[in-house]
Protein backbone atom coordinates (compact mmCIF):
# COMPACT_ATOMS: atom_id res chain seq x y z
CA UNK A 1 0.00 0.00 0.00
CA UNK A 2 0.98 3.64 0.03
CA UNK A 3 0.13 5.35 3.30
CA UNK A 4 2.83 7.99 3.57
CA UNK A 5 5.05 9.79 1.06
CA UNK A 6 7.26 12.83 0.50
CA UNK A 7 7.53 15.69 -1.98
CA UNK A 8 10.07 18.39 -1.27
CA UNK A 9 11.73 19.25 -4.60
CA UNK A 10 11.99 22.99 -5.41
CA UNK A 11 8.79 24.58 -6.72
CA UNK A 12 10.38 25.53 -10.03
CA UNK A 13 11.58 21.98 -10.63
CA UNK A 14 8.14 20.58 -9.87
CA UNK A 15 6.44 23.11 -12.16
CA UNK A 16 8.81 22.29 -15.03
CA UNK A 17 8.64 18.55 -14.47
CA UNK A 18 4.85 18.39 -14.79
CA UNK A 19 4.26 21.54 -16.88
CA UNK A 20 1.89 23.03 -14.31
CA UNK A 21 1.32 26.12 -12.23
CA UNK A 22 2.71 25.06 -8.84
CA UNK A 23 1.57 28.09 -6.83
CA UNK A 24 -0.19 25.98 -4.18
CA UNK A 25 2.82 23.73 -3.62
CA UNK A 26 4.45 23.44 -0.20
CA UNK A 27 7.22 20.89 0.46
CA UNK A 28 6.19 17.88 2.54
CA UNK A 29 8.58 15.36 4.03
CA UNK A 30 5.87 13.27 5.65
CA UNK A 31 2.62 13.55 3.69
CA UNK A 32 -0.16 11.62 5.43
CA UNK A 33 -3.83 10.67 4.92
CA UNK A 34 -6.30 13.40 5.80
CA UNK A 35 -3.95 16.17 4.68
CA UNK A 36 -4.51 18.48 1.71
CA UNK A 37 -1.84 17.65 -0.84
CA UNK A 38 -1.00 18.68 -4.44
CA UNK A 39 -2.37 16.69 -7.38
CA UNK A 40 -2.94 17.25 -11.10
CA UNK A 41 -6.51 16.38 -12.09
CA UNK A 42 -7.72 15.41 -15.54
CA UNK A 43 -10.20 18.31 -15.67
CA UNK A 44 -7.58 20.97 -14.83
CA UNK A 45 -4.28 19.50 -15.95
CA UNK A 46 -2.34 22.77 -16.16
CA UNK A 47 -2.05 23.41 -12.43
CA UNK A 48 -1.55 21.74 -9.08
CA UNK A 49 -4.63 21.59 -6.88
CA UNK A 50 -4.80 20.80 -3.15
CA UNK A 51 -7.08 17.82 -2.46
CA UNK A 52 -7.57 15.82 0.71
CA UNK A 53 -5.97 12.39 0.78
CA UNK A 54 -8.78 9.92 1.47
CA UNK A 55 -11.20 9.28 -1.40
CA UNK A 56 -14.92 9.91 -0.84
CA UNK A 57 -17.10 8.77 -3.77
CA UNK A 58 -19.54 11.44 -5.01
CA UNK A 59 -22.57 9.30 -4.12
CA UNK A 60 -21.55 8.73 -0.48
CA UNK A 61 -24.20 9.53 2.13
CA UNK A 62 -21.60 10.99 4.49
CA UNK A 63 -17.89 11.60 4.86
CA UNK A 64 -17.76 8.44 6.97
CA UNK A 65 -18.33 6.45 3.75
CA UNK A 66 -14.95 7.59 2.41
CA UNK A 67 -11.36 7.88 3.55
CA UNK A 68 -10.00 5.40 0.99
CA UNK A 69 -6.29 6.20 0.75
CA UNK A 70 -5.56 3.44 -1.77
CA UNK A 71 -7.40 1.78 -4.68
CA UNK A 72 -6.38 -1.64 -6.00
CA UNK A 73 -5.52 -1.46 -9.71
CA UNK A 74 -7.08 -4.87 -10.30
CA UNK A 75 -10.53 -3.68 -9.20
CA UNK A 76 -10.84 -0.22 -10.74
CA UNK A 77 -13.28 -1.33 -13.43
CA UNK A 78 -15.57 -3.20 -11.04
CA UNK A 79 -15.41 -1.56 -7.62
CA UNK A 80 -18.38 0.84 -7.31
CA UNK A 81 -16.33 3.19 -5.15
CA UNK A 82 -13.77 3.88 -7.88
CA UNK A 83 -15.38 2.80 -11.16
CA UNK A 84 -16.80 6.15 -12.24
CA UNK A 85 -13.57 7.98 -11.44
CA UNK A 86 -11.47 5.48 -13.38
CA UNK A 87 -13.81 5.55 -16.36
CA UNK A 88 -13.46 9.34 -16.30
CA UNK A 89 -17.02 9.79 -17.48
CA UNK A 90 -18.31 11.86 -14.56
CA UNK A 91 -18.06 15.60 -13.95
CA UNK A 92 -17.38 15.09 -10.24
CA UNK A 93 -14.71 12.36 -10.42
CA UNK A 94 -11.76 11.32 -12.57
CA UNK A 95 -8.09 10.43 -12.69
CA UNK A 96 -5.19 12.42 -11.32
CA UNK A 97 -1.41 12.48 -10.96
CA UNK A 98 -0.05 12.46 -7.42
CA UNK A 99 3.46 13.97 -7.51
CA UNK A 100 6.00 12.50 -5.07
CA UNK A 101 9.73 12.01 -4.72
CA UNK A 102 9.56 9.04 -2.35
CA UNK A 103 7.23 6.91 -0.26
CA UNK A 104 7.50 5.00 3.01
CA UNK A 105 6.94 1.38 3.95
CA UNK A 106 7.34 -0.40 7.28
CA UNK A 107 8.95 -3.80 7.93
CA UNK A 108 8.20 -5.94 10.99
CA UNK A 109 11.29 -6.58 13.13
CA UNK A 110 11.96 -8.05 16.56
CA UNK A 111 12.08 -4.50 17.93
CA UNK A 112 9.00 -3.17 16.17
CA UNK A 113 8.38 -1.76 12.71
CA UNK A 114 11.34 -0.31 10.82
CA UNK A 115 10.40 2.39 8.28
CA UNK A 116 12.06 2.56 4.86
CA UNK A 117 11.95 5.31 2.27
CA UNK A 118 11.65 4.23 -1.37
CA UNK A 119 12.73 6.53 -4.20
CA UNK A 120 13.76 6.44 -7.82
CA UNK A 121 17.50 5.96 -8.23
CA UNK A 122 17.94 9.53 -9.43
CA UNK A 123 15.88 10.94 -6.53
CA UNK A 124 13.79 13.01 -8.95
CA UNK A 125 10.04 13.55 -8.68
CA UNK A 126 7.62 11.04 -10.17
CA UNK A 127 3.87 10.70 -10.56
CA UNK A 128 1.76 8.09 -8.79
CA UNK A 129 -1.50 7.15 -10.46
CA UNK A 130 -4.48 8.50 -8.57
CA UNK A 131 -8.23 9.03 -8.66
CA UNK A 132 -10.08 12.11 -7.44
CA UNK A 133 -13.68 12.95 -6.55
CA UNK A 134 -15.81 15.87 -5.47
CA UNK A 135 -18.21 15.04 -2.66
CA UNK A 136 -21.15 17.31 -1.85
CA UNK A 137 -23.13 16.56 1.31
CA UNK A 138 -26.74 15.52 0.74
CA UNK A 139 -29.21 18.36 1.28
CA UNK A 140 -31.66 17.49 4.03
CA UNK A 141 -34.34 19.45 5.84
CA UNK A 142 -35.80 18.77 9.25
CA UNK A 143 -38.80 19.80 11.32
CA UNK A 144 -41.46 22.23 10.13
CA UNK A 145 -38.92 24.04 7.99
CA UNK A 146 -39.00 21.10 5.60
CA UNK A 147 -42.61 22.01 4.75
CA UNK A 148 -42.17 25.77 4.85
CA UNK A 149 -39.23 26.14 2.51
CA UNK A 150 -36.74 26.40 5.35
CA UNK A 151 -32.98 26.32 5.03
CA UNK A 152 -31.28 22.93 4.46
CA UNK A 153 -29.96 21.25 7.58
CA UNK A 154 -26.43 21.12 6.23
CA UNK A 155 -23.27 22.16 8.00
CA UNK A 156 -20.78 20.21 5.92
CA UNK A 157 -18.78 21.74 3.08
CA UNK A 158 -18.07 20.31 -0.33
CA UNK A 159 -14.78 18.42 -0.23
CA UNK A 160 -12.45 17.19 -2.98
CA UNK A 161 -10.42 14.08 -2.27
CA UNK A 162 -8.00 11.65 -3.91
CA UNK A 163 -6.63 8.14 -3.59
CA UNK A 164 -3.39 6.47 -4.75
CA UNK A 165 -3.71 3.44 -7.01
CA UNK A 166 -1.66 0.38 -5.96
CA UNK A 167 -0.48 -2.75 -7.74
CA UNK A 168 1.66 -5.83 -7.13
CA UNK A 169 5.14 -4.93 -5.84
CA UNK A 170 8.33 -5.15 -7.83
CA UNK A 171 11.23 -7.20 -6.47
CA UNK A 172 12.57 -4.30 -4.42
CA UNK A 173 9.32 -3.32 -2.72
CA UNK A 174 8.26 -6.96 -2.23
CA UNK A 175 10.79 -7.17 0.60
CA UNK A 176 8.98 -4.32 2.34
CA UNK A 177 5.28 -4.76 1.52
CA UNK A 178 2.89 -6.85 -0.57
CA UNK A 179 1.58 -3.79 -2.50
CA UNK A 180 3.15 -0.70 -4.02
CA UNK A 181 1.95 2.57 -5.51
CA UNK A 182 1.59 2.65 -9.29
CA UNK A 183 4.43 4.88 -10.47
CA UNK A 184 3.71 6.07 -13.99
CA UNK A 185 6.52 5.92 -16.58
CA UNK A 186 7.99 9.34 -17.25
CA UNK A 187 6.80 10.57 -20.62
CA UNK A 188 3.57 8.57 -20.39
CA UNK A 189 2.05 10.20 -17.32
CA UNK A 190 -0.39 12.34 -19.31
CA UNK A 191 -1.81 9.17 -20.82
CA UNK A 192 -3.18 8.31 -17.39
CA UNK A 193 -5.19 11.53 -17.47
CA UNK A 194 -6.42 11.32 -21.06
CA UNK A 195 -6.54 7.74 -22.33
CA UNK A 196 -9.63 5.56 -22.52
CA UNK A 197 -9.95 3.08 -19.62
CA UNK A 198 -8.58 0.10 -21.57
CA UNK A 199 -5.44 1.99 -22.62
CA UNK A 200 -5.03 3.57 -19.18
CA UNK A 201 -5.11 0.08 -17.63
CA UNK A 202 -1.92 -0.76 -19.50
CA UNK A 203 -0.05 1.75 -17.31
CA UNK A 204 -0.91 -0.03 -14.06
CA UNK A 205 2.26 -2.10 -13.87
CA UNK A 206 4.94 -2.29 -11.15
CA UNK A 207 7.73 0.21 -11.71
CA UNK A 208 11.08 -1.45 -12.62
CA UNK A 209 12.95 -2.47 -9.47
CA UNK A 210 16.34 -1.66 -10.95
CA UNK A 211 15.30 1.99 -11.25
CA UNK A 212 14.47 2.30 -7.54
CA UNK A 213 16.25 2.19 -4.21
CA UNK A 214 15.18 1.81 -0.58
CA UNK A 215 16.92 2.82 2.63
CA UNK A 216 15.99 2.82 6.34
CA UNK A 217 14.88 6.03 8.05
CA UNK A 218 14.18 7.07 11.61
CA UNK A 219 10.96 6.00 13.34
CA UNK A 220 10.31 9.74 13.70
CA UNK A 221 8.41 9.36 10.41
CA UNK A 222 5.80 7.32 12.27
CA UNK A 223 4.32 10.57 13.59
CA UNK A 224 2.83 12.68 10.77
CA UNK A 225 3.50 15.83 12.79
CA UNK A 226 7.22 15.22 12.22
CA UNK A 227 7.44 16.93 8.84
CA UNK A 228 11.05 18.02 8.51
CA UNK A 229 14.15 17.08 6.45
CA UNK A 230 15.28 14.85 9.33
CA UNK A 231 12.68 12.17 8.52
CA UNK A 232 14.13 11.45 5.05
CA UNK A 233 17.71 10.97 6.28
CA UNK A 234 19.20 7.46 6.35
CA UNK A 235 18.98 5.87 9.80
CA UNK A 236 22.32 5.08 11.40
CA UNK A 237 21.03 2.01 13.21
CA UNK A 238 18.46 -0.45 11.89
CA UNK A 239 16.40 -3.05 13.74
CA UNK A 240 17.06 -6.63 12.67
CA UNK A 241 14.28 -8.65 11.10
CA UNK A 242 12.64 -11.16 13.38
C-alpha atoms as a PDB file:
ATOM      1  CA  UNK A   1       0.000   0.000   0.000  1.00  0.00           C
ATOM      2  CA  UNK A   2       0.983   3.640   0.027  1.00  0.00           C
ATOM      3  CA  UNK A   3       0.128   5.352   3.299  1.00  0.00           C
ATOM      4  CA  UNK A   4       2.834   7.993   3.567  1.00  0.00           C
ATOM      5  CA  UNK A   5       5.046   9.793   1.059  1.00  0.00           C
ATOM      6  CA  UNK A   6       7.256  12.827   0.501  1.00  0.00           C
ATOM      7  CA  UNK A   7       7.527  15.687  -1.978  1.00  0.00           C
ATOM      8  CA  UNK A   8      10.068  18.387  -1.275  1.00  0.00           C
ATOM      9  CA  UNK A   9      11.727  19.252  -4.598  1.00  0.00           C
ATOM     10  CA  UNK A  10      11.989  22.985  -5.405  1.00  0.00           C
ATOM     11  CA  UNK A  11       8.785  24.577  -6.721  1.00  0.00           C
ATOM     12  CA  UNK A  12      10.384  25.531 -10.031  1.00  0.00           C
ATOM     13  CA  UNK A  13      11.584  21.976 -10.634  1.00  0.00           C
ATOM     14  CA  UNK A  14       8.144  20.578  -9.873  1.00  0.00           C
ATOM     15  CA  UNK A  15       6.435  23.108 -12.156  1.00  0.00           C
ATOM     16  CA  UNK A  16       8.807  22.292 -15.026  1.00  0.00           C
ATOM     17  CA  UNK A  17       8.643  18.553 -14.474  1.00  0.00           C
ATOM     18  CA  UNK A  18       4.855  18.392 -14.785  1.00  0.00           C
ATOM     19  CA  UNK A  19       4.263  21.537 -16.879  1.00  0.00           C
ATOM     20  CA  UNK A  20       1.888  23.029 -14.310  1.00  0.00           C
ATOM     21  CA  UNK A  21       1.320  26.123 -12.229  1.00  0.00           C
ATOM     22  CA  UNK A  22       2.707  25.064  -8.840  1.00  0.00           C
ATOM     23  CA  UNK A  23       1.570  28.088  -6.828  1.00  0.00           C
ATOM     24  CA  UNK A  24      -0.189  25.982  -4.179  1.00  0.00           C
ATOM     25  CA  UNK A  25       2.823  23.731  -3.618  1.00  0.00           C
ATOM     26  CA  UNK A  26       4.447  23.441  -0.205  1.00  0.00           C
ATOM     27  CA  UNK A  27       7.221  20.893   0.460  1.00  0.00           C
ATOM     28  CA  UNK A  28       6.185  17.882   2.537  1.00  0.00           C
ATOM     29  CA  UNK A  29       8.579  15.357   4.031  1.00  0.00           C
ATOM     30  CA  UNK A  30       5.872  13.268   5.654  1.00  0.00           C
ATOM     31  CA  UNK A  31       2.620  13.546   3.686  1.00  0.00           C
ATOM     32  CA  UNK A  32      -0.164  11.616   5.430  1.00  0.00           C
ATOM     33  CA  UNK A  33      -3.829  10.666   4.922  1.00  0.00           C
ATOM     34  CA  UNK A  34      -6.303  13.403   5.797  1.00  0.00           C
ATOM     35  CA  UNK A  35      -3.952  16.168   4.683  1.00  0.00           C
ATOM     36  CA  UNK A  36      -4.509  18.479   1.708  1.00  0.00           C
ATOM     37  CA  UNK A  37      -1.835  17.645  -0.844  1.00  0.00           C
ATOM     38  CA  UNK A  38      -1.001  18.682  -4.445  1.00  0.00           C
ATOM     39  CA  UNK A  39      -2.368  16.691  -7.379  1.00  0.00           C
ATOM     40  CA  UNK A  40      -2.944  17.247 -11.100  1.00  0.00           C
ATOM     41  CA  UNK A  41      -6.513  16.382 -12.090  1.00  0.00           C
ATOM     42  CA  UNK A  42      -7.723  15.411 -15.541  1.00  0.00           C
ATOM     43  CA  UNK A  43     -10.199  18.306 -15.665  1.00  0.00           C
ATOM     44  CA  UNK A  44      -7.579  20.975 -14.830  1.00  0.00           C
ATOM     45  CA  UNK A  45      -4.281  19.503 -15.952  1.00  0.00           C
ATOM     46  CA  UNK A  46      -2.344  22.771 -16.165  1.00  0.00           C
ATOM     47  CA  UNK A  47      -2.048  23.415 -12.431  1.00  0.00           C
ATOM     48  CA  UNK A  48      -1.546  21.741  -9.084  1.00  0.00           C
ATOM     49  CA  UNK A  49      -4.629  21.588  -6.877  1.00  0.00           C
ATOM     50  CA  UNK A  50      -4.801  20.802  -3.150  1.00  0.00           C
ATOM     51  CA  UNK A  51      -7.078  17.824  -2.464  1.00  0.00           C
ATOM     52  CA  UNK A  52      -7.573  15.820   0.705  1.00  0.00           C
ATOM     53  CA  UNK A  53      -5.969  12.387   0.781  1.00  0.00           C
ATOM     54  CA  UNK A  54      -8.777   9.919   1.473  1.00  0.00           C
ATOM     55  CA  UNK A  55     -11.198   9.284  -1.398  1.00  0.00           C
ATOM     56  CA  UNK A  56     -14.919   9.905  -0.842  1.00  0.00           C
ATOM     57  CA  UNK A  57     -17.102   8.767  -3.766  1.00  0.00           C
ATOM     58  CA  UNK A  58     -19.540  11.442  -5.009  1.00  0.00           C
ATOM     59  CA  UNK A  59     -22.567   9.297  -4.115  1.00  0.00           C
ATOM     60  CA  UNK A  60     -21.549   8.727  -0.484  1.00  0.00           C
ATOM     61  CA  UNK A  61     -24.198   9.528   2.131  1.00  0.00           C
ATOM     62  CA  UNK A  62     -21.600  10.993   4.493  1.00  0.00           C
ATOM     63  CA  UNK A  63     -17.892  11.596   4.859  1.00  0.00           C
ATOM     64  CA  UNK A  64     -17.760   8.438   6.968  1.00  0.00           C
ATOM     65  CA  UNK A  65     -18.328   6.451   3.753  1.00  0.00           C
ATOM     66  CA  UNK A  66     -14.951   7.595   2.409  1.00  0.00           C
ATOM     67  CA  UNK A  67     -11.363   7.879   3.552  1.00  0.00           C
ATOM     68  CA  UNK A  68     -10.000   5.404   0.994  1.00  0.00           C
ATOM     69  CA  UNK A  69      -6.286   6.201   0.752  1.00  0.00           C
ATOM     70  CA  UNK A  70      -5.563   3.439  -1.773  1.00  0.00           C
ATOM     71  CA  UNK A  71      -7.403   1.781  -4.675  1.00  0.00           C
ATOM     72  CA  UNK A  72      -6.381  -1.635  -6.005  1.00  0.00           C
ATOM     73  CA  UNK A  73      -5.522  -1.460  -9.705  1.00  0.00           C
ATOM     74  CA  UNK A  74      -7.078  -4.869 -10.300  1.00  0.00           C
ATOM     75  CA  UNK A  75     -10.529  -3.684  -9.204  1.00  0.00           C
ATOM     76  CA  UNK A  76     -10.836  -0.221 -10.738  1.00  0.00           C
ATOM     77  CA  UNK A  77     -13.276  -1.330 -13.432  1.00  0.00           C
ATOM     78  CA  UNK A  78     -15.569  -3.204 -11.040  1.00  0.00           C
ATOM     79  CA  UNK A  79     -15.405  -1.558  -7.622  1.00  0.00           C
ATOM     80  CA  UNK A  80     -18.382   0.844  -7.314  1.00  0.00           C
ATOM     81  CA  UNK A  81     -16.333   3.188  -5.155  1.00  0.00           C
ATOM     82  CA  UNK A  82     -13.765   3.881  -7.880  1.00  0.00           C
ATOM     83  CA  UNK A  83     -15.375   2.797 -11.164  1.00  0.00           C
ATOM     84  CA  UNK A  84     -16.798   6.153 -12.245  1.00  0.00           C
ATOM     85  CA  UNK A  85     -13.567   7.983 -11.441  1.00  0.00           C
ATOM     86  CA  UNK A  86     -11.472   5.484 -13.380  1.00  0.00           C
ATOM     87  CA  UNK A  87     -13.815   5.548 -16.362  1.00  0.00           C
ATOM     88  CA  UNK A  88     -13.460   9.345 -16.300  1.00  0.00           C
ATOM     89  CA  UNK A  89     -17.023   9.789 -17.476  1.00  0.00           C
ATOM     90  CA  UNK A  90     -18.311  11.861 -14.558  1.00  0.00           C
ATOM     91  CA  UNK A  91     -18.062  15.597 -13.947  1.00  0.00           C
ATOM     92  CA  UNK A  92     -17.381  15.085 -10.245  1.00  0.00           C
ATOM     93  CA  UNK A  93     -14.706  12.358 -10.416  1.00  0.00           C
ATOM     94  CA  UNK A  94     -11.763  11.316 -12.565  1.00  0.00           C
ATOM     95  CA  UNK A  95      -8.089  10.435 -12.690  1.00  0.00           C
ATOM     96  CA  UNK A  96      -5.185  12.418 -11.316  1.00  0.00           C
ATOM     97  CA  UNK A  97      -1.414  12.483 -10.959  1.00  0.00           C
ATOM     98  CA  UNK A  98      -0.048  12.458  -7.419  1.00  0.00           C
ATOM     99  CA  UNK A  99       3.465  13.974  -7.506  1.00  0.00           C
ATOM    100  CA  UNK A 100       5.998  12.505  -5.074  1.00  0.00           C
ATOM    101  CA  UNK A 101       9.726  12.005  -4.719  1.00  0.00           C
ATOM    102  CA  UNK A 102       9.564   9.043  -2.349  1.00  0.00           C
ATOM    103  CA  UNK A 103       7.226   6.913  -0.260  1.00  0.00           C
ATOM    104  CA  UNK A 104       7.503   5.002   3.011  1.00  0.00           C
ATOM    105  CA  UNK A 105       6.940   1.375   3.948  1.00  0.00           C
ATOM    106  CA  UNK A 106       7.344  -0.404   7.284  1.00  0.00           C
ATOM    107  CA  UNK A 107       8.953  -3.804   7.930  1.00  0.00           C
ATOM    108  CA  UNK A 108       8.200  -5.937  10.993  1.00  0.00           C
ATOM    109  CA  UNK A 109      11.288  -6.579  13.126  1.00  0.00           C
ATOM    110  CA  UNK A 110      11.959  -8.046  16.565  1.00  0.00           C
ATOM    111  CA  UNK A 111      12.077  -4.497  17.930  1.00  0.00           C
ATOM    112  CA  UNK A 112       9.000  -3.172  16.172  1.00  0.00           C
ATOM    113  CA  UNK A 113       8.381  -1.757  12.713  1.00  0.00           C
ATOM    114  CA  UNK A 114      11.335  -0.312  10.816  1.00  0.00           C
ATOM    115  CA  UNK A 115      10.404   2.395   8.282  1.00  0.00           C
ATOM    116  CA  UNK A 116      12.056   2.564   4.857  1.00  0.00           C
ATOM    117  CA  UNK A 117      11.945   5.307   2.273  1.00  0.00           C
ATOM    118  CA  UNK A 118      11.650   4.227  -1.373  1.00  0.00           C
ATOM    119  CA  UNK A 119      12.730   6.533  -4.199  1.00  0.00           C
ATOM    120  CA  UNK A 120      13.759   6.443  -7.824  1.00  0.00           C
ATOM    121  CA  UNK A 121      17.500   5.956  -8.233  1.00  0.00           C
ATOM    122  CA  UNK A 122      17.935   9.531  -9.430  1.00  0.00           C
ATOM    123  CA  UNK A 123      15.880  10.942  -6.533  1.00  0.00           C
ATOM    124  CA  UNK A 124      13.790  13.006  -8.947  1.00  0.00           C
ATOM    125  CA  UNK A 125      10.040  13.546  -8.683  1.00  0.00           C
ATOM    126  CA  UNK A 126       7.622  11.045 -10.171  1.00  0.00           C
ATOM    127  CA  UNK A 127       3.866  10.700 -10.557  1.00  0.00           C
ATOM    128  CA  UNK A 128       1.762   8.093  -8.787  1.00  0.00           C
ATOM    129  CA  UNK A 129      -1.504   7.152 -10.464  1.00  0.00           C
ATOM    130  CA  UNK A 130      -4.479   8.502  -8.571  1.00  0.00           C
ATOM    131  CA  UNK A 131      -8.229   9.030  -8.660  1.00  0.00           C
ATOM    132  CA  UNK A 132     -10.082  12.110  -7.436  1.00  0.00           C
ATOM    133  CA  UNK A 133     -13.676  12.946  -6.553  1.00  0.00           C
ATOM    134  CA  UNK A 134     -15.807  15.867  -5.469  1.00  0.00           C
ATOM    135  CA  UNK A 135     -18.215  15.043  -2.656  1.00  0.00           C
ATOM    136  CA  UNK A 136     -21.147  17.305  -1.854  1.00  0.00           C
ATOM    137  CA  UNK A 137     -23.135  16.558   1.308  1.00  0.00           C
ATOM    138  CA  UNK A 138     -26.742  15.521   0.745  1.00  0.00           C
ATOM    139  CA  UNK A 139     -29.208  18.357   1.278  1.00  0.00           C
ATOM    140  CA  UNK A 140     -31.663  17.492   4.027  1.00  0.00           C
ATOM    141  CA  UNK A 141     -34.341  19.453   5.837  1.00  0.00           C
ATOM    142  CA  UNK A 142     -35.796  18.771   9.248  1.00  0.00           C
ATOM    143  CA  UNK A 143     -38.796  19.801  11.322  1.00  0.00           C
ATOM    144  CA  UNK A 144     -41.457  22.229  10.126  1.00  0.00           C
ATOM    145  CA  UNK A 145     -38.917  24.039   7.993  1.00  0.00           C
ATOM    146  CA  UNK A 146     -38.997  21.098   5.596  1.00  0.00           C
ATOM    147  CA  UNK A 147     -42.612  22.008   4.749  1.00  0.00           C
ATOM    148  CA  UNK A 148     -42.168  25.773   4.846  1.00  0.00           C
ATOM    149  CA  UNK A 149     -39.230  26.137   2.512  1.00  0.00           C
ATOM    150  CA  UNK A 150     -36.741  26.398   5.348  1.00  0.00           C
ATOM    151  CA  UNK A 151     -32.982  26.317   5.032  1.00  0.00           C
ATOM    152  CA  UNK A 152     -31.278  22.934   4.464  1.00  0.00           C
ATOM    153  CA  UNK A 153     -29.955  21.250   7.580  1.00  0.00           C
ATOM    154  CA  UNK A 154     -26.433  21.121   6.230  1.00  0.00           C
ATOM    155  CA  UNK A 155     -23.267  22.165   8.004  1.00  0.00           C
ATOM    156  CA  UNK A 156     -20.779  20.207   5.919  1.00  0.00           C
ATOM    157  CA  UNK A 157     -18.783  21.739   3.082  1.00  0.00           C
ATOM    158  CA  UNK A 158     -18.072  20.313  -0.335  1.00  0.00           C
ATOM    159  CA  UNK A 159     -14.783  18.417  -0.229  1.00  0.00           C
ATOM    160  CA  UNK A 160     -12.448  17.188  -2.977  1.00  0.00           C
ATOM    161  CA  UNK A 161     -10.417  14.081  -2.272  1.00  0.00           C
ATOM    162  CA  UNK A 162      -8.003  11.650  -3.913  1.00  0.00           C
ATOM    163  CA  UNK A 163      -6.627   8.142  -3.588  1.00  0.00           C
ATOM    164  CA  UNK A 164      -3.387   6.472  -4.746  1.00  0.00           C
ATOM    165  CA  UNK A 165      -3.710   3.437  -7.012  1.00  0.00           C
ATOM    166  CA  UNK A 166      -1.662   0.381  -5.956  1.00  0.00           C
ATOM    167  CA  UNK A 167      -0.483  -2.752  -7.736  1.00  0.00           C
ATOM    168  CA  UNK A 168       1.657  -5.834  -7.135  1.00  0.00           C
ATOM    169  CA  UNK A 169       5.141  -4.925  -5.837  1.00  0.00           C
ATOM    170  CA  UNK A 170       8.335  -5.150  -7.835  1.00  0.00           C
ATOM    171  CA  UNK A 171      11.231  -7.202  -6.469  1.00  0.00           C
ATOM    172  CA  UNK A 172      12.575  -4.302  -4.416  1.00  0.00           C
ATOM    173  CA  UNK A 173       9.323  -3.320  -2.718  1.00  0.00           C
ATOM    174  CA  UNK A 174       8.264  -6.960  -2.234  1.00  0.00           C
ATOM    175  CA  UNK A 175      10.786  -7.167   0.598  1.00  0.00           C
ATOM    176  CA  UNK A 176       8.976  -4.318   2.338  1.00  0.00           C
ATOM    177  CA  UNK A 177       5.277  -4.757   1.522  1.00  0.00           C
ATOM    178  CA  UNK A 178       2.888  -6.846  -0.570  1.00  0.00           C
ATOM    179  CA  UNK A 179       1.584  -3.793  -2.496  1.00  0.00           C
ATOM    180  CA  UNK A 180       3.150  -0.696  -4.016  1.00  0.00           C
ATOM    181  CA  UNK A 181       1.949   2.569  -5.512  1.00  0.00           C
ATOM    182  CA  UNK A 182       1.590   2.648  -9.294  1.00  0.00           C
ATOM    183  CA  UNK A 183       4.430   4.881 -10.474  1.00  0.00           C
ATOM    184  CA  UNK A 184       3.713   6.069 -13.988  1.00  0.00           C
ATOM    185  CA  UNK A 185       6.516   5.922 -16.575  1.00  0.00           C
ATOM    186  CA  UNK A 186       7.991   9.341 -17.249  1.00  0.00           C
ATOM    187  CA  UNK A 187       6.797  10.573 -20.619  1.00  0.00           C
ATOM    188  CA  UNK A 188       3.575   8.567 -20.389  1.00  0.00           C
ATOM    189  CA  UNK A 189       2.050  10.201 -17.324  1.00  0.00           C
ATOM    190  CA  UNK A 190      -0.395  12.343 -19.307  1.00  0.00           C
ATOM    191  CA  UNK A 191      -1.810   9.174 -20.824  1.00  0.00           C
ATOM    192  CA  UNK A 192      -3.185   8.314 -17.394  1.00  0.00           C
ATOM    193  CA  UNK A 193      -5.189  11.531 -17.471  1.00  0.00           C
ATOM    194  CA  UNK A 194      -6.421  11.325 -21.057  1.00  0.00           C
ATOM    195  CA  UNK A 195      -6.537   7.738 -22.328  1.00  0.00           C
ATOM    196  CA  UNK A 196      -9.629   5.555 -22.524  1.00  0.00           C
ATOM    197  CA  UNK A 197      -9.953   3.076 -19.620  1.00  0.00           C
ATOM    198  CA  UNK A 198      -8.579   0.104 -21.568  1.00  0.00           C
ATOM    199  CA  UNK A 199      -5.439   1.989 -22.618  1.00  0.00           C
ATOM    200  CA  UNK A 200      -5.033   3.567 -19.180  1.00  0.00           C
ATOM    201  CA  UNK A 201      -5.109   0.082 -17.630  1.00  0.00           C
ATOM    202  CA  UNK A 202      -1.917  -0.756 -19.500  1.00  0.00           C
ATOM    203  CA  UNK A 203      -0.055   1.755 -17.315  1.00  0.00           C
ATOM    204  CA  UNK A 204      -0.909  -0.028 -14.057  1.00  0.00           C
ATOM    205  CA  UNK A 205       2.264  -2.104 -13.871  1.00  0.00           C
ATOM    206  CA  UNK A 206       4.937  -2.289 -11.145  1.00  0.00           C
ATOM    207  CA  UNK A 207       7.729   0.212 -11.714  1.00  0.00           C
ATOM    208  CA  UNK A 208      11.081  -1.447 -12.618  1.00  0.00           C
ATOM    209  CA  UNK A 209      12.948  -2.467  -9.470  1.00  0.00           C
ATOM    210  CA  UNK A 210      16.344  -1.660 -10.946  1.00  0.00           C
ATOM    211  CA  UNK A 211      15.304   1.987 -11.249  1.00  0.00           C
ATOM    212  CA  UNK A 212      14.474   2.298  -7.543  1.00  0.00           C
ATOM    213  CA  UNK A 213      16.251   2.194  -4.209  1.00  0.00           C
ATOM    214  CA  UNK A 214      15.183   1.812  -0.580  1.00  0.00           C
ATOM    215  CA  UNK A 215      16.921   2.825   2.633  1.00  0.00           C
ATOM    216  CA  UNK A 216      15.990   2.818   6.341  1.00  0.00           C
ATOM    217  CA  UNK A 217      14.883   6.026   8.047  1.00  0.00           C
ATOM    218  CA  UNK A 218      14.177   7.065  11.607  1.00  0.00           C
ATOM    219  CA  UNK A 219      10.962   6.005  13.343  1.00  0.00           C
ATOM    220  CA  UNK A 220      10.311   9.741  13.696  1.00  0.00           C
ATOM    221  CA  UNK A 221       8.413   9.363  10.414  1.00  0.00           C
ATOM    222  CA  UNK A 222       5.796   7.316  12.275  1.00  0.00           C
ATOM    223  CA  UNK A 223       4.323  10.566  13.594  1.00  0.00           C
ATOM    224  CA  UNK A 224       2.827  12.681  10.767  1.00  0.00           C
ATOM    225  CA  UNK A 225       3.498  15.831  12.794  1.00  0.00           C
ATOM    226  CA  UNK A 226       7.222  15.220  12.222  1.00  0.00           C
ATOM    227  CA  UNK A 227       7.443  16.932   8.843  1.00  0.00           C
ATOM    228  CA  UNK A 228      11.051  18.019   8.507  1.00  0.00           C
ATOM    229  CA  UNK A 229      14.145  17.077   6.453  1.00  0.00           C
ATOM    230  CA  UNK A 230      15.280  14.846   9.326  1.00  0.00           C
ATOM    231  CA  UNK A 231      12.677  12.174   8.517  1.00  0.00           C
ATOM    232  CA  UNK A 232      14.135  11.454   5.054  1.00  0.00           C
ATOM    233  CA  UNK A 233      17.714  10.966   6.278  1.00  0.00           C
ATOM    234  CA  UNK A 234      19.197   7.456   6.347  1.00  0.00           C
ATOM    235  CA  UNK A 235      18.977   5.868   9.800  1.00  0.00           C
ATOM    236  CA  UNK A 236      22.318   5.081  11.399  1.00  0.00           C
ATOM    237  CA  UNK A 237      21.030   2.014  13.205  1.00  0.00           C
ATOM    238  CA  UNK A 238      18.459  -0.449  11.890  1.00  0.00           C
ATOM    239  CA  UNK A 239      16.401  -3.050  13.737  1.00  0.00           C
ATOM    240  CA  UNK A 240      17.064  -6.630  12.673  1.00  0.00           C
ATOM    241  CA  UNK A 241      14.284  -8.648  11.100  1.00  0.00           C
ATOM    242  CA  UNK A 242      12.642 -11.161  13.382  1.00  0.00           C
END
